[in-house]
Amino acid sequence: MSSSPLVALLVAAAPLMAQGVSAQLGGRVLDPAGAAVAGATVVIRNGETGLTRTVQTNGEGRYMATLLPVGPYTVTVTKAGFQTAGNVKVNLNLGDAAPLTIRLAPDSGAVVEVVAAA
C-alpha cells in the first residue's frame, strides 16, 4: 500500500487547517505622495506572545505576513530616508486577511544635495 495519496492529502490540507487557527496581515508602504516605498522593513510583533515576523516590501511597496496567530500586534516600518512609523496597532482575529497601508514621512534629518548650474 502506497502512502503517497495520504501524504499528498495532508500537504494539500495544511494551508486549510492553518487558515482556521491563524490570520494574515499585508498591505502597502507609501510615501506622502502615494508612491510605493520599496525595500522597507516591516516588523510585526505579537504583544501577547512576543512572536516577531519581519518582512520586506517589494517593488510595489507591498508586504505580506501569513500564518500569524490571532491577537494584538504592533507594526513598525523603517526605511532609510524616512521617519520610522512605529506603534501601529492592529488586532488580528481568526481567519483575518487584514489590509494595512502605512505612509512614511520623509526624515527631517536627511541631507538633500541640490546642484544648480548657472
PDB file of N, CA and C in Angstrom:
ATOM      1  N   MET A   1       0.845  -1.184   0.000  1.00  0.00           N
ATOM      2  CA  MET A   1       0.000   0.000   0.000  1.00  0.00           C
ATOM      3  C   MET A   1       0.885   1.240   0.000  1.00  0.00           C
ATOM      4  N   SER A   2       0.619   2.137  -0.890  1.00  0.00           N
ATOM      5  CA  SER A   2       1.425   3.353  -1.024  1.00  0.00           C
ATOM      6  C   SER A   2       0.874   4.453  -0.124  1.00  0.00           C
ATOM      7  N   SER A   3       1.784   5.219   0.478  1.00  0.00           N
ATOM      8  CA  SER A   3       1.352   6.323   1.339  1.00  0.00           C
ATOM      9  C   SER A   3       1.340   7.648   0.590  1.00  0.00           C
ATOM     10  N   SER A   4       1.663   7.638  -0.696  1.00  0.00           N
ATOM     11  CA  SER A   4       1.716   8.882  -1.474  1.00  0.00           C
ATOM     12  C   SER A   4       0.394   9.640  -1.488  1.00  0.00           C
ATOM     13  N   PRO A   5      -0.762   8.991  -1.709  1.00  0.00           N
ATOM     14  CA  PRO A   5      -2.017   9.753  -1.685  1.00  0.00           C
ATOM     15  C   PRO A   5      -2.288  10.390  -0.325  1.00  0.00           C
ATOM     16  N   LEU A   6      -1.950   9.690   0.751  1.00  0.00           N
ATOM     17  CA  LEU A   6      -2.165  10.242   2.087  1.00  0.00           C
ATOM     18  C   LEU A   6      -1.267  11.451   2.321  1.00  0.00           C
ATOM     19  N   VAL A   7      -0.013  11.349   1.929  1.00  0.00           N
ATOM     20  CA  VAL A   7       0.920  12.469   2.081  1.00  0.00           C
ATOM     21  C   VAL A   7       0.439  13.658   1.264  1.00  0.00           C
ATOM     22  N   ALA A   8       0.009  13.415   0.035  1.00  0.00           N
ATOM     23  CA  ALA A   8      -0.483  14.496  -0.822  1.00  0.00           C
ATOM     24  C   ALA A   8      -1.703  15.164  -0.198  1.00  0.00           C
ATOM     25  N   LEU A   9      -2.591  14.379   0.390  1.00  0.00           N
ATOM     26  CA  LEU A   9      -3.782  14.928   1.030  1.00  0.00           C
ATOM     27  C   LEU A   9      -3.408  15.795   2.232  1.00  0.00           C
ATOM     28  N   LEU A  10      -2.481  15.326   3.053  1.00  0.00           N
ATOM     29  CA  LEU A  10      -2.061  16.099   4.222  1.00  0.00           C
ATOM     30  C   LEU A  10      -1.374  17.393   3.824  1.00  0.00           C
ATOM     31  N   VAL A  11      -0.540  17.341   2.804  1.00  0.00           N
ATOM     32  CA  VAL A  11       0.148  18.547   2.335  1.00  0.00           C
ATOM     33  C   VAL A  11      -0.862  19.542   1.772  1.00  0.00           C
ATOM     34  N   ALA A  12      -1.838  19.063   1.028  1.00  0.00           N
ATOM     35  CA  ALA A  12      -2.846  19.946   0.444  1.00  0.00           C
ATOM     36  C   ALA A  12      -3.749  20.548   1.516  1.00  0.00           C
ATOM     37  N   ALA A  13      -3.993  19.820   2.587  1.00  0.00           N
ATOM     38  CA  ALA A  13      -4.897  20.299   3.632  1.00  0.00           C
ATOM     39  C   ALA A  13      -4.217  21.229   4.631  1.00  0.00           C
ATOM     40  N   ALA A  14      -2.898  21.227   4.690  1.00  0.00           N
ATOM     41  CA  ALA A  14      -2.185  22.043   5.682  1.00  0.00           C
ATOM     42  C   ALA A  14      -2.552  23.521   5.614  1.00  0.00           C
ATOM     43  N   PRO A  15      -2.574  24.150   4.424  1.00  0.00           N
ATOM     44  CA  PRO A  15      -2.964  25.561   4.399  1.00  0.00           C
ATOM     45  C   PRO A  15      -4.397  25.793   4.870  1.00  0.00           C
ATOM     46  N   LEU A  16      -5.287  24.850   4.606  1.00  0.00           N
ATOM     47  CA  LEU A  16      -6.672  24.998   5.043  1.00  0.00           C
ATOM     48  C   LEU A  16      -6.769  24.935   6.559  1.00  0.00           C
ATOM     49  N   MET A  17      -6.000  24.042   7.169  1.00  0.00           N
ATOM     50  CA  MET A  17      -6.008  23.951   8.629  1.00  0.00           C
ATOM     51  C   MET A  17      -5.408  25.213   9.235  1.00  0.00           C
ATOM     52  N   ALA A  18      -4.361  25.743   8.627  1.00  0.00           N
ATOM     53  CA  ALA A  18      -3.709  26.944   9.152  1.00  0.00           C
ATOM     54  C   ALA A  18      -4.646  28.142   9.106  1.00  0.00           C
ATOM     55  N   GLN A  19      -5.513  28.200   8.076  1.00  0.00           N
ATOM     56  CA  GLN A  19      -6.451  29.309   7.980  1.00  0.00           C
ATOM     57  C   GLN A  19      -7.415  29.313   9.157  1.00  0.00           C
ATOM     58  N   GLY A  20      -7.671  28.149   9.732  1.00  0.00           N
ATOM     59  CA  GLY A  20      -8.605  28.053  10.836  1.00  0.00           C
ATOM     60  C   GLY A  20      -8.031  28.490  12.170  1.00  0.00           C
ATOM     61  N   VAL A  21      -6.717  28.620  12.271  1.00  0.00           N
ATOM     62  CA  VAL A  21      -6.099  28.976  13.549  1.00  0.00           C
ATOM     63  C   VAL A  21      -5.189  30.190  13.442  1.00  0.00           C
ATOM     64  N   SER A  22      -5.211  30.856  12.301  1.00  0.00           N
ATOM     65  CA  SER A  22      -4.287  31.973  12.118  1.00  0.00           C
ATOM     66  C   SER A  22      -4.920  33.081  11.288  1.00  0.00           C
ATOM     67  N   ALA A  23      -4.114  34.102  11.039  1.00  0.00           N
ATOM     68  CA  ALA A  23      -4.550  35.250  10.245  1.00  0.00           C
ATOM     69  C   ALA A  23      -3.369  35.708   9.404  1.00  0.00           C
ATOM     70  N   GLN A  24      -3.620  36.671   8.542  1.00  0.00           N
ATOM     71  CA  GLN A  24      -2.528  37.261   7.772  1.00  0.00           C
ATOM     72  C   GLN A  24      -2.680  38.770   7.754  1.00  0.00           C
ATOM     73  N   LEU A  25      -1.552  39.432   7.572  1.00  0.00           N
ATOM     74  CA  LEU A  25      -1.519  40.887   7.545  1.00  0.00           C
ATOM     75  C   LEU A  25      -0.677  41.301   6.357  1.00  0.00           C
ATOM     76  N   GLY A  26      -1.222  42.171   5.545  1.00  0.00           N
ATOM     77  CA  GLY A  26      -0.488  42.647   4.374  1.00  0.00           C
ATOM     78  C   GLY A  26      -0.991  44.013   3.981  1.00  0.00           C
ATOM     79  N   GLY A  27      -0.297  44.625   3.075  1.00  0.00           N
ATOM     80  CA  GLY A  27      -0.704  45.944   2.614  1.00  0.00           C
ATOM     81  C   GLY A  27       0.406  46.605   1.840  1.00  0.00           C
ATOM     82  N   ARG A  28       0.444  47.933   1.932  1.00  0.00           N
ATOM     83  CA  ARG A  28       1.448  48.698   1.195  1.00  0.00           C
ATOM     84  C   ARG A  28       2.089  49.723   2.109  1.00  0.00           C
ATOM     85  N   VAL A  29       3.319  50.080   1.757  1.00  0.00           N
ATOM     86  CA  VAL A  29       4.023  51.174   2.407  1.00  0.00           C
ATOM     87  C   VAL A  29       4.222  52.239   1.339  1.00  0.00           C
ATOM     88  N   LEU A  30       3.745  53.457   1.636  1.00  0.00           N
ATOM     89  CA  LEU A  30       3.760  54.545   0.664  1.00  0.00           C
ATOM     90  C   LEU A  30       4.461  55.767   1.239  1.00  0.00           C
ATOM     91  N   ASP A  31       4.929  56.644   0.336  1.00  0.00           N
ATOM     92  CA  ASP A  31       5.469  57.931   0.776  1.00  0.00           C
ATOM     93  C   ASP A  31       4.317  58.934   0.817  1.00  0.00           C
ATOM     94  N   PRO A  32       4.563  60.183   1.243  1.00  0.00           N
ATOM     95  CA  PRO A  32       3.462  61.155   1.351  1.00  0.00           C
ATOM     96  C   PRO A  32       2.734  61.430   0.037  1.00  0.00           C
ATOM     97  N   ALA A  33       3.413  61.251  -1.092  1.00  0.00           N
ATOM     98  CA  ALA A  33       2.786  61.483  -2.395  1.00  0.00           C
ATOM     99  C   ALA A  33       2.006  60.269  -2.891  1.00  0.00           C
ATOM    100  N   GLY A  34       2.064  59.167  -2.143  1.00  0.00           N
ATOM    101  CA  GLY A  34       1.353  57.962  -2.552  1.00  0.00           C
ATOM    102  C   GLY A  34       2.184  57.010  -3.381  1.00  0.00           C
ATOM    103  N   ALA A  35       3.478  57.300  -3.542  1.00  0.00           N
ATOM    104  CA  ALA A  35       4.364  56.410  -4.296  1.00  0.00           C
ATOM    105  C   ALA A  35       4.812  55.249  -3.406  1.00  0.00           C
ATOM    106  N   ALA A  36       5.015  54.096  -4.031  1.00  0.00           N
ATOM    107  CA  ALA A  36       5.445  52.906  -3.305  1.00  0.00           C
ATOM    108  C   ALA A  36       6.828  53.103  -2.706  1.00  0.00           C
ATOM    109  N   VAL A  37       7.021  52.566  -1.506  1.00  0.00           N
ATOM    110  CA  VAL A  37       8.336  52.570  -0.862  1.00  0.00           C
ATOM    111  C   VAL A  37       8.850  51.129  -0.900  1.00  0.00           C
ATOM    112  N   ALA A  38       9.751  50.850  -1.834  1.00  0.00           N
ATOM    113  CA  ALA A  38      10.326  49.514  -1.981  1.00  0.00           C
ATOM    114  C   ALA A  38      11.451  49.323  -0.972  1.00  0.00           C
ATOM    115  N   GLY A  39      11.616  48.097  -0.499  1.00  0.00           N
ATOM    116  CA  GLY A  39      12.717  47.769   0.394  1.00  0.00           C
ATOM    117  C   GLY A  39      12.549  48.230   1.825  1.00  0.00           C
ATOM    118  N   ALA A  40      11.337  48.614   2.211  1.00  0.00           N
ATOM    119  CA  ALA A  40      11.088  48.993   3.607  1.00  0.00           C
ATOM    120  C   ALA A  40      11.015  47.721   4.454  1.00  0.00           C
ATOM    121  N   THR A  41      11.456  47.817   5.688  1.00  0.00           N
ATOM    122  CA  THR A  41      11.395  46.695   6.616  1.00  0.00           C
ATOM    123  C   THR A  41      10.147  46.845   7.483  1.00  0.00           C
ATOM    124  N   VAL A  42       9.309  45.814   7.465  1.00  0.00           N
ATOM    125  CA  VAL A  42       8.066  45.805   8.237  1.00  0.00           C
ATOM    126  C   VAL A  42       8.217  44.753   9.337  1.00  0.00           C
ATOM    127  N   VAL A  43       8.163  45.196  10.591  1.00  0.00           N
ATOM    128  CA  VAL A  43       8.282  44.287  11.732  1.00  0.00           C
ATOM    129  C   VAL A  43       6.912  44.190  12.395  1.00  0.00           C
ATOM    130  N   ILE A  44       6.399  42.969  12.493  1.00  0.00           N
ATOM    131  CA  ILE A  44       5.073  42.702  13.041  1.00  0.00           C
ATOM    132  C   ILE A  44       5.277  41.891  14.319  1.00  0.00           C
ATOM    133  N   ARG A  45       4.886  42.463  15.464  1.00  0.00           N
ATOM    134  CA  ARG A  45       5.159  41.820  16.760  1.00  0.00           C
ATOM    135  C   ARG A  45       3.868  41.595  17.536  1.00  0.00           C
ATOM    136  N   ASN A  46       3.670  40.346  17.960  1.00  0.00           N
ATOM    137  CA  ASN A  46       2.513  39.998  18.776  1.00  0.00           C
ATOM    138  C   ASN A  46       2.795  40.396  20.217  1.00  0.00           C
ATOM    139  N   GLY A  47       1.951  41.264  20.772  1.00  0.00           N
ATOM    140  CA  GLY A  47       2.150  41.765  22.121  1.00  0.00           C
ATOM    141  C   GLY A  47       1.937  40.739  23.214  1.00  0.00           C
ATOM    142  N   GLU A  48       1.203  39.670  22.930  1.00  0.00           N
ATOM    143  CA  GLU A  48       0.938  38.648  23.945  1.00  0.00           C
ATOM    144  C   GLU A  48       2.000  37.559  23.959  1.00  0.00           C
ATOM    145  N   THR A  49       2.428  37.137  22.776  1.00  0.00           N
ATOM    146  CA  THR A  49       3.354  36.003  22.689  1.00  0.00           C
ATOM    147  C   THR A  49       4.801  36.427  22.445  1.00  0.00           C
ATOM    148  N   GLY A  50       5.000  37.654  21.960  1.00  0.00           N
ATOM    149  CA  GLY A  50       6.347  38.098  21.622  1.00  0.00           C
ATOM    150  C   GLY A  50       6.791  37.650  20.241  1.00  0.00           C
ATOM    151  N   LEU A  51       5.949  36.880  19.537  1.00  0.00           N
ATOM    152  CA  LEU A  51       6.287  36.443  18.183  1.00  0.00           C
ATOM    153  C   LEU A  51       6.565  37.660  17.317  1.00  0.00           C
ATOM    154  N   THR A  52       7.669  37.627  16.593  1.00  0.00           N
ATOM    155  CA  THR A  52       8.015  38.731  15.702  1.00  0.00           C
ATOM    156  C   THR A  52       8.228  38.189  14.305  1.00  0.00           C
ATOM    157  N   ARG A  53       7.595  38.827  13.334  1.00  0.00           N
ATOM    158  CA  ARG A  53       7.766  38.465  11.926  1.00  0.00           C
ATOM    159  C   ARG A  53       8.284  39.700  11.210  1.00  0.00           C
ATOM    160  N   THR A  54       9.359  39.549  10.449  1.00  0.00           N
ATOM    161  CA  THR A  54       9.950  40.657   9.708  1.00  0.00           C
ATOM    162  C   THR A  54       9.870  40.350   8.221  1.00  0.00           C
ATOM    163  N   VAL A  55       9.319  41.289   7.452  1.00  0.00           N
ATOM    164  CA  VAL A  55       9.204  41.135   6.002  1.00  0.00           C
ATOM    165  C   VAL A  55       9.677  42.418   5.331  1.00  0.00           C
ATOM    166  N   GLN A  56       9.978  42.328   4.043  1.00  0.00           N
ATOM    167  CA  GLN A  56      10.410  43.481   3.252  1.00  0.00           C
ATOM    168  C   GLN A  56       9.336  43.800   2.220  1.00  0.00           C
ATOM    169  N   THR A  57       9.193  45.093   1.908  1.00  0.00           N
ATOM    170  CA  THR A  57       8.265  45.463   0.841  1.00  0.00           C
ATOM    171  C   THR A  57       8.913  45.173  -0.506  1.00  0.00           C
ATOM    172  N   ASN A  58       8.078  44.836  -1.480  1.00  0.00           N
ATOM    173  CA  ASN A  58       8.582  44.577  -2.829  1.00  0.00           C
ATOM    174  C   ASN A  58       8.642  45.884  -3.621  1.00  0.00           C
ATOM    175  N   GLY A  59       8.867  45.792  -4.913  1.00  0.00           N
ATOM    176  CA  GLY A  59       8.990  46.971  -5.764  1.00  0.00           C
ATOM    177  C   GLY A  59       7.735  47.816  -5.833  1.00  0.00           C
ATOM    178  N   GLU A  60       6.589  47.237  -5.485  1.00  0.00           N
ATOM    179  CA  GLU A  60       5.323  47.978  -5.474  1.00  0.00           C
ATOM    180  C   GLU A  60       4.966  48.449  -4.066  1.00  0.00           C
ATOM    181  N   GLY A  61       5.902  48.287  -3.124  1.00  0.00           N
ATOM    182  CA  GLY A  61       5.645  48.691  -1.744  1.00  0.00           C
ATOM    183  C   GLY A  61       4.756  47.728  -0.983  1.00  0.00           C
ATOM    184  N   ARG A  62       4.524  46.548  -1.539  1.00  0.00           N
ATOM    185  CA  ARG A  62       3.628  45.572  -0.907  1.00  0.00           C
ATOM    186  C   ARG A  62       4.400  44.637   0.026  1.00  0.00           C
ATOM    187  N   TYR A  63       3.711  44.220   1.099  1.00  0.00           N
ATOM    188  CA  TYR A  63       4.264  43.239   2.029  1.00  0.00           C
ATOM    189  C   TYR A  63       3.148  42.289   2.431  1.00  0.00           C
ATOM    190  N   MET A  64       3.527  41.101   2.916  1.00  0.00           N
ATOM    191  CA  MET A  64       2.542  40.119   3.358  1.00  0.00           C
ATOM    192  C   MET A  64       3.190  39.223   4.407  1.00  0.00           C
ATOM    193  N   ALA A  65       2.496  39.036   5.513  1.00  0.00           N
ATOM    194  CA  ALA A  65       2.909  38.087   6.549  1.00  0.00           C
ATOM    195  C   ALA A  65       1.737  37.145   6.774  1.00  0.00           C
ATOM    196  N   THR A  66       1.982  35.859   6.606  1.00  0.00           N
ATOM    197  CA  THR A  66       0.917  34.866   6.727  1.00  0.00           C
ATOM    198  C   THR A  66       1.136  33.991   7.957  1.00  0.00           C
ATOM    199  N   LEU A  67       0.130  33.199   8.258  1.00  0.00           N
ATOM    200  CA  LEU A  67       0.160  32.242   9.362  1.00  0.00           C
ATOM    201  C   LEU A  67       0.505  32.902  10.697  1.00  0.00           C
ATOM    202  N   LEU A  68      -0.082  34.065  10.931  1.00  0.00           N
ATOM    203  CA  LEU A  68       0.113  34.772  12.198  1.00  0.00           C
ATOM    204  C   LEU A  68      -0.930  34.300  13.208  1.00  0.00           C
ATOM    205  N   PRO A  69      -0.518  33.962  14.427  1.00  0.00           N
ATOM    206  CA  PRO A  69      -1.506  33.623  15.453  1.00  0.00           C
ATOM    207  C   PRO A  69      -2.403  34.833  15.735  1.00  0.00           C
ATOM    208  N   VAL A  70      -3.636  34.575  16.098  1.00  0.00           N
ATOM    209  CA  VAL A  70      -4.548  35.675  16.410  1.00  0.00           C
ATOM    210  C   VAL A  70      -4.048  36.434  17.628  1.00  0.00           C
ATOM    211  N   GLY A  71      -4.435  37.715  17.708  1.00  0.00           N
ATOM    212  CA  GLY A  71      -4.058  38.521  18.855  1.00  0.00           C
ATOM    213  C   GLY A  71      -3.666  39.929  18.463  1.00  0.00           C
ATOM    214  N   PRO A  72      -3.210  40.695  19.455  1.00  0.00           N
ATOM    215  CA  PRO A  72      -2.829  42.089  19.205  1.00  0.00           C
ATOM    216  C   PRO A  72      -1.397  42.183  18.670  1.00  0.00           C
ATOM    217  N   TYR A  73      -1.213  43.027  17.668  1.00  0.00           N
ATOM    218  CA  TYR A  73       0.104  43.219  17.058  1.00  0.00           C
ATOM    219  C   TYR A  73       0.460  44.695  17.020  1.00  0.00           C
ATOM    220  N   THR A  74       1.757  44.942  17.063  1.00  0.00           N
ATOM    221  CA  THR A  74       2.304  46.269  16.836  1.00  0.00           C
ATOM    222  C   THR A  74       3.149  46.175  15.578  1.00  0.00           C
ATOM    223  N   VAL A  75       2.928  47.106  14.648  1.00  0.00           N
ATOM    224  CA  VAL A  75       3.653  47.109  13.379  1.00  0.00           C
ATOM    225  C   VAL A  75       4.579  48.316  13.359  1.00  0.00           C
ATOM    226  N   THR A  76       5.832  48.083  12.987  1.00  0.00           N
ATOM    227  CA  THR A  76       6.824  49.143  12.860  1.00  0.00           C
ATOM    228  C   THR A  76       7.441  49.043  11.474  1.00  0.00           C
ATOM    229  N   VAL A  77       7.575  50.194  10.801  1.00  0.00           N
ATOM    230  CA  VAL A  77       8.145  50.214   9.451  1.00  0.00           C
ATOM    231  C   VAL A  77       9.332  51.166   9.429  1.00  0.00           C
ATOM    232  N   THR A  78      10.442  50.687   8.861  1.00  0.00           N
ATOM    233  CA  THR A  78      11.639  51.522   8.734  1.00  0.00           C
ATOM    234  C   THR A  78      12.159  51.487   7.305  1.00  0.00           C
ATOM    235  N   LYS A  79      12.736  52.603   6.906  1.00  0.00           N
ATOM    236  CA  LYS A  79      13.380  52.719   5.596  1.00  0.00           C
ATOM    237  C   LYS A  79      14.284  53.941   5.656  1.00  0.00           C
ATOM    238  N   ALA A  80      15.520  53.804   5.197  1.00  0.00           N
ATOM    239  CA  ALA A  80      16.458  54.928   5.180  1.00  0.00           C
ATOM    240  C   ALA A  80      15.848  56.090   4.408  1.00  0.00           C
ATOM    241  N   GLY A  81      15.995  57.298   4.946  1.00  0.00           N
ATOM    242  CA  GLY A  81      15.448  58.493   4.313  1.00  0.00           C
ATOM    243  C   GLY A  81      14.044  58.840   4.764  1.00  0.00           C
ATOM    244  N   PHE A  82      13.459  57.963   5.608  1.00  0.00           N
ATOM    245  CA  PHE A  82      12.102  58.187   6.112  1.00  0.00           C
ATOM    246  C   PHE A  82      12.098  58.067   7.627  1.00  0.00           C
ATOM    247  N   GLN A  83      11.130  58.730   8.255  1.00  0.00           N
ATOM    248  CA  GLN A  83      10.930  58.561   9.689  1.00  0.00           C
ATOM    249  C   GLN A  83      10.335  57.177   9.939  1.00  0.00           C
ATOM    250  N   THR A  84      10.680  56.591  11.065  1.00  0.00           N
ATOM    251  CA  THR A  84      10.124  55.292  11.434  1.00  0.00           C
ATOM    252  C   THR A  84       8.644  55.449  11.761  1.00  0.00           C
ATOM    253  N   ALA A  85       7.841  54.567  11.206  1.00  0.00           N
ATOM    254  CA  ALA A  85       6.417  54.509  11.561  1.00  0.00           C
ATOM    255  C   ALA A  85       6.304  53.407  12.600  1.00  0.00           C
ATOM    256  N   GLY A  86       6.057  53.782  13.847  1.00  0.00           N
ATOM    257  CA  GLY A  86       6.026  52.795  14.914  1.00  0.00           C
ATOM    258  C   GLY A  86       4.731  52.828  15.680  1.00  0.00           C
ATOM    259  N   ASN A  87       4.536  51.781  16.453  1.00  0.00           N
ATOM    260  CA  ASN A  87       3.364  51.654  17.321  1.00  0.00           C
ATOM    261  C   ASN A  87       2.042  51.680  16.572  1.00  0.00           C
ATOM    262  N   VAL A  88       2.027  51.154  15.357  1.00  0.00           N
ATOM    263  CA  VAL A  88       0.767  50.991  14.632  1.00  0.00           C
ATOM    264  C   VAL A  88       0.123  49.723  15.195  1.00  0.00           C
ATOM    265  N   LYS A  89      -1.042  49.865  15.797  1.00  0.00           N
ATOM    266  CA  LYS A  89      -1.711  48.745  16.466  1.00  0.00           C
ATOM    267  C   LYS A  89      -2.753  48.115  15.549  1.00  0.00           C
ATOM    268  N   VAL A  90      -2.785  46.794  15.554  1.00  0.00           N
ATOM    269  CA  VAL A  90      -3.801  46.058  14.806  1.00  0.00           C
ATOM    270  C   VAL A  90      -4.105  44.777  15.587  1.00  0.00           C
ATOM    271  N   ASN A  91      -5.378  44.411  15.630  1.00  0.00           N
ATOM    272  CA  ASN A  91      -5.780  43.182  16.298  1.00  0.00           C
ATOM    273  C   ASN A  91      -6.235  42.194  15.233  1.00  0.00           C
ATOM    274  N   LEU A  92      -5.582  41.040  15.177  1.00  0.00           N
ATOM    275  CA  LEU A  92      -5.922  40.029  14.182  1.00  0.00           C
ATOM    276  C   LEU A  92      -6.825  38.973  14.799  1.00  0.00           C
ATOM    277  N   ASN A  93      -7.927  38.709  14.110  1.00  0.00           N
ATOM    278  CA  ASN A  93      -8.882  37.692  14.536  1.00  0.00           C
ATOM    279  C   ASN A  93      -8.759  36.470  13.639  1.00  0.00           C
ATOM    280  N   LEU A  94      -9.363  35.394  14.063  1.00  0.00           N
ATOM    281  CA  LEU A  94      -9.314  34.129  13.356  1.00  0.00           C
ATOM    282  C   LEU A  94      -9.701  34.289  11.890  1.00  0.00           C
ATOM    283  N   GLY A  95      -8.812  33.881  10.980  1.00  0.00           N
ATOM    284  CA  GLY A  95      -9.085  33.917   9.552  1.00  0.00           C
ATOM    285  C   GLY A  95      -8.955  35.277   8.902  1.00  0.00           C
ATOM    286  N   ASP A  96      -8.588  36.306   9.658  1.00  0.00           N
ATOM    287  CA  ASP A  96      -8.443  37.653   9.088  1.00  0.00           C
ATOM    288  C   ASP A  96      -7.407  37.684   7.974  1.00  0.00           C
ATOM    289  N   ALA A  97      -7.683  38.517   6.993  1.00  0.00           N
ATOM    290  CA  ALA A  97      -6.712  38.889   5.965  1.00  0.00           C
ATOM    291  C   ALA A  97      -6.693  40.413   6.007  1.00  0.00           C
ATOM    292  N   ALA A  98      -6.108  40.941   7.072  1.00  0.00           N
ATOM    293  CA  ALA A  98      -6.192  42.371   7.360  1.00  0.00           C
ATOM    294  C   ALA A  98      -5.303  43.194   6.438  1.00  0.00           C
ATOM    295  N   PRO A  99      -5.883  44.208   5.766  1.00  0.00           N
ATOM    296  CA  PRO A  99      -5.073  45.124   4.959  1.00  0.00           C
ATOM    297  C   PRO A  99      -4.601  46.295   5.821  1.00  0.00           C
ATOM    298  N   LEU A 100      -3.349  46.676   5.671  1.00  0.00           N
ATOM    299  CA  LEU A 100      -2.819  47.795   6.434  1.00  0.00           C
ATOM    300  C   LEU A 100      -1.861  48.584   5.550  1.00  0.00           C
ATOM    301  N   THR A 101      -2.268  49.804   5.197  1.00  0.00           N
ATOM    302  CA  THR A 101      -1.419  50.704   4.418  1.00  0.00           C
ATOM    303  C   THR A 101      -0.779  51.695   5.374  1.00  0.00           C
ATOM    304  N   ILE A 102       0.528  51.860   5.242  1.00  0.00           N
ATOM    305  CA  ILE A 102       1.271  52.764   6.113  1.00  0.00           C
ATOM    306  C   ILE A 102       1.978  53.796   5.248  1.00  0.00           C
ATOM    307  N   ARG A 103       1.827  55.068   5.626  1.00  0.00           N
ATOM    308  CA  ARG A 103       2.513  56.160   4.917  1.00  0.00           C
ATOM    309  C   ARG A 103       3.697  56.618   5.752  1.00  0.00           C
ATOM    310  N   LEU A 104       4.863  56.663   5.113  1.00  0.00           N
ATOM    311  CA  LEU A 104       6.081  57.112   5.780  1.00  0.00           C
ATOM    312  C   LEU A 104       6.336  58.576   5.472  1.00  0.00           C
ATOM    313  N   ALA A 105       6.699  59.323   6.494  1.00  0.00           N
ATOM    314  CA  ALA A 105       7.059  60.735   6.325  1.00  0.00           C
ATOM    315  C   ALA A 105       8.558  60.824   6.052  1.00  0.00           C
ATOM    316  N   PRO A 106       8.972  61.813   5.251  1.00  0.00           N
ATOM    317  CA  PRO A 106      10.406  61.974   4.999  1.00  0.00           C
ATOM    318  C   PRO A 106      11.147  62.257   6.305  1.00  0.00           C
ATOM    319  N   ASP A 107      12.376  61.790   6.375  1.00  0.00           N
ATOM    320  CA  ASP A 107      13.208  62.043   7.552  1.00  0.00           C
ATOM    321  C   ASP A 107      13.676  63.484   7.506  1.00  0.00           C
ATOM    322  N   SER A 108      13.277  64.275   8.506  1.00  0.00           N
ATOM    323  CA  SER A 108      13.628  65.697   8.513  1.00  0.00           C
ATOM    324  C   SER A 108      15.123  65.907   8.692  1.00  0.00           C
ATOM    325  N   GLY A 109      15.828  64.885   9.162  1.00  0.00           N
ATOM    326  CA  GLY A 109      17.269  64.995   9.337  1.00  0.00           C
ATOM    327  C   GLY A 109      18.046  64.579   8.103  1.00  0.00           C
ATOM    328  N   ALA A 110      17.332  64.190   7.055  1.00  0.00           N
ATOM    329  CA  ALA A 110      18.008  63.742   5.839  1.00  0.00           C
ATOM    330  C   ALA A 110      18.664  64.924   5.140  1.00  0.00           C
ATOM    331  N   VAL A 111      19.808  64.671   4.586  1.00  0.00           N
ATOM    332  CA  VAL A 111      20.532  65.709   3.855  1.00  0.00           C
ATOM    333  C   VAL A 111      20.184  65.578   2.383  1.00  0.00           C
ATOM    334  N   VAL A 112      19.723  66.666   1.817  1.00  0.00           N
ATOM    335  CA  VAL A 112      19.388  66.683   0.397  1.00  0.00           C
ATOM    336  C   VAL A 112      20.389  67.581  -0.303  1.00  0.00           C
ATOM    337  N   GLU A 113      21.081  67.030  -1.284  1.00  0.00           N
ATOM    338  CA  GLU A 113      22.074  67.809  -2.019  1.00  0.00           C
ATOM    339  C   GLU A 113      21.445  68.306  -3.310  1.00  0.00           C
ATOM    340  N   VAL A 114      21.483  69.602  -3.500  1.00  0.00           N
ATOM    341  CA  VAL A 114      20.928  70.205  -4.706  1.00  0.00           C
ATOM    342  C   VAL A 114      22.076  70.835  -5.470  1.00  0.00           C
ATOM    343  N   VAL A 115      22.201  70.480  -6.730  1.00  0.00           N
ATOM    344  CA  VAL A 115      23.252  71.043  -7.571  1.00  0.00           C
ATOM    345  C   VAL A 115      22.580  71.875  -8.644  1.00  0.00           C
ATOM    346  N   ALA A 116      22.984  73.134  -8.750  1.00  0.00           N
ATOM    347  CA  ALA A 116      22.393  74.033  -9.745  1.00  0.00           C
ATOM    348  C   ALA A 116      23.487  74.527 -10.681  1.00  0.00           C
ATOM    349  N   ALA A 117      23.142  74.653 -11.930  1.00  0.00           N
ATOM    350  CA  ALA A 117      24.083  75.195 -12.915  1.00  0.00           C
ATOM    351  C   ALA A 117      23.634  76.601 -13.277  1.00  0.00           C
ATOM    352  N   ALA A 118      24.609  77.511 -13.383  1.00  0.00           N
ATOM    353  CA  ALA A 118      24.270  78.901 -13.703  1.00  0.00           C
ATOM    354  C   ALA A 118      24.389  79.151 -15.183  1.00  0.00           C
TER     355      ALA A 118
END
